[in-house]
Amino acid sequence: MADGVEPPDAISKDGTVNLDWQSDYAGYEQLVIRNASGERFAAYPVVEGQSWSLSGLSDGTYHIELSGGNETKTISTLQVDHYSLRSALSLFGAGLLLFGYLIFTLKRGTASHD
């Protein structure tokens, strides 16, 4: 990029990410999640063959690293940008209208058979 900032490897709209096991992860001891300022957000042990599901991440940029001994390897950069409250409430409203229409149709249908 022109400003020297690398784009994220992945973008999450719900604050979750799944990391699948890769054979070259076996030499590391910890999976470390760092926020954009480099502070450690979370750390998990590396267990051979185990994948990770991370959730509960707030908006922002996260660097996912493997560490072991004196070696650190960045495996991914994640950008979390949650859906806006406006779009969530719009979808909720649409669902509520459809549910209301369903109840209305069911009541009208049972009333005509009485």
Protein backbone atom coordinates (compact mmCIF):
# COMPACT_ATOMS: atom_id res chain seq x y z
CA MET A 1 0.00 0.00 0.00
CA ALA A 2 1.07 3.58 -0.52
CA ASP A 3 1.18 4.54 3.18
CA GLY A 4 3.35 1.55 4.18
CA VAL A 5 0.58 -0.23 6.10
CA GLU A 6 -0.06 -3.82 5.09
CA PRO A 7 -3.70 -4.82 4.54
CA PRO A 8 -5.12 -7.45 6.92
CA ASP A 9 -5.06 -11.11 5.89
CA ALA A 10 -8.64 -11.54 7.12
CA ILE A 11 -11.62 -9.37 8.01
CA SER A 12 -14.20 -10.39 10.61
CA LYS A 13 -17.63 -8.77 10.88
CA ASP A 14 -18.57 -10.68 14.06
CA GLY A 15 -15.35 -10.70 16.11
CA THR A 16 -14.52 -14.36 15.50
CA VAL A 17 -11.84 -16.22 13.57
CA ASN A 18 -10.98 -19.89 13.05
CA LEU A 19 -7.33 -20.88 12.67
CA ASP A 20 -6.66 -24.30 11.19
CA TRP A 21 -3.65 -26.38 12.20
CA GLN A 22 -0.63 -26.29 9.88
CA SER A 23 2.21 -28.80 10.19
CA ASP A 24 4.84 -26.05 10.57
CA TYR A 25 3.16 -24.86 13.82
CA ALA A 26 4.49 -27.89 15.73
CA GLY A 27 7.78 -26.20 16.70
CA TYR A 28 6.07 -23.39 18.60
CA GLU A 29 4.80 -23.24 22.19
CA GLN A 30 2.18 -20.46 22.20
CA LEU A 31 -0.36 -18.79 19.95
CA VAL A 32 -0.29 -15.09 20.87
CA ILE A 33 -2.88 -12.47 19.91
CA ARG A 34 -1.64 -8.87 19.97
CA ASN A 35 -3.66 -5.71 19.41
CA ALA A 36 -2.58 -2.97 16.99
CA SER A 37 -0.36 -1.30 19.61
CA GLY A 38 1.52 -4.58 20.18
CA GLU A 39 0.06 -5.36 23.61
CA ARG A 40 -0.63 -9.02 24.33
CA PHE A 41 -4.38 -9.58 24.17
CA ALA A 42 -4.45 -13.36 24.73
CA ALA A 43 -2.19 -16.43 24.58
CA TYR A 44 -3.00 -20.11 24.09
CA PRO A 45 -0.82 -23.23 24.20
CA VAL A 46 0.07 -24.91 20.93
CA VAL A 47 -1.12 -28.52 20.92
CA GLU A 48 -0.17 -30.53 17.86
CA GLY A 49 -3.13 -31.06 15.52
CA GLN A 50 -5.38 -28.63 17.41
CA SER A 51 -7.08 -25.73 15.63
CA TRP A 52 -8.24 -22.55 17.36
CA SER A 53 -11.56 -20.69 17.37
CA LEU A 54 -11.18 -17.18 18.71
CA SER A 55 -14.19 -15.06 19.62
CA GLY A 56 -15.13 -11.96 21.58
CA LEU A 57 -12.76 -9.66 19.72
CA SER A 58 -13.61 -5.95 19.73
CA ASP A 59 -13.23 -3.68 16.71
CA GLY A 60 -9.61 -3.19 15.75
CA THR A 61 -6.56 -4.85 14.24
CA TYR A 62 -5.02 -7.98 15.74
CA HIS A 63 -1.75 -9.73 14.95
CA ILE A 64 -1.81 -13.49 15.41
CA GLU A 65 1.61 -14.91 16.17
CA LEU A 66 3.27 -18.17 17.12
CA SER A 67 6.11 -18.02 19.63
CA GLY A 68 8.56 -20.57 20.91
CA GLY A 69 11.92 -20.00 22.52
CA ASN A 70 13.38 -16.89 20.90
CA GLU A 71 11.43 -17.27 17.66
CA THR A 72 8.19 -15.47 16.74
CA LYS A 73 6.23 -15.95 13.53
CA THR A 74 3.25 -13.79 12.51
CA ILE A 75 0.72 -16.09 10.88
CA SER A 76 -2.11 -13.63 10.24
CA THR A 77 -3.35 -10.09 10.68
CA LEU A 78 -7.05 -9.78 11.46
CA GLN A 79 -9.22 -6.68 11.09
CA VAL A 80 -12.41 -6.79 13.19
CA ASP A 81 -15.11 -4.38 12.04
CA HIS A 82 -18.49 -5.35 13.50
CA TYR A 83 -21.78 -4.82 11.72
CA SER A 84 -23.30 -1.45 12.58
CA LEU A 85 -26.11 -1.23 15.13
CA ARG A 86 -28.29 0.33 12.44
CA SER A 87 -28.02 -2.69 10.13
CA ALA A 88 -28.57 -5.10 13.03
CA LEU A 89 -31.71 -3.26 14.13
CA SER A 90 -32.95 -3.10 10.52
CA LEU A 91 -32.64 -6.87 10.17
CA PHE A 92 -34.32 -7.38 13.55
CA GLY A 93 -37.21 -5.13 12.45
CA ALA A 94 -37.63 -7.00 9.17
CA GLY A 95 -37.70 -10.31 11.06
CA LEU A 96 -40.26 -8.94 13.50
CA LEU A 97 -42.51 -7.85 10.63
CA LEU A 98 -42.27 -11.27 8.99
CA PHE A 99 -43.01 -12.99 12.30
CA GLY A 100 -46.06 -10.73 12.82
CA TYR A 101 -47.30 -11.52 9.31
CA LEU A 102 -46.86 -15.26 9.99
CA ILE A 103 -48.91 -15.07 13.20
CA PHE A 104 -51.60 -13.01 11.44
CA THR A 105 -51.81 -15.54 8.59
CA LEU A 106 -51.99 -18.52 10.96
CA LYS A 107 -54.75 -16.93 13.07
CA ARG A 108 -56.74 -15.93 9.98
CA GLY A 109 -56.37 -19.47 8.59
CA THR A 110 -57.59 -21.18 11.79
CA ALA A 111 -60.46 -18.70 12.16
CA SER A 112 -61.77 -19.53 8.66
CA HIS A 113 -61.89 -23.26 9.53
CA ASP A 114 -64.01 -22.79 12.69
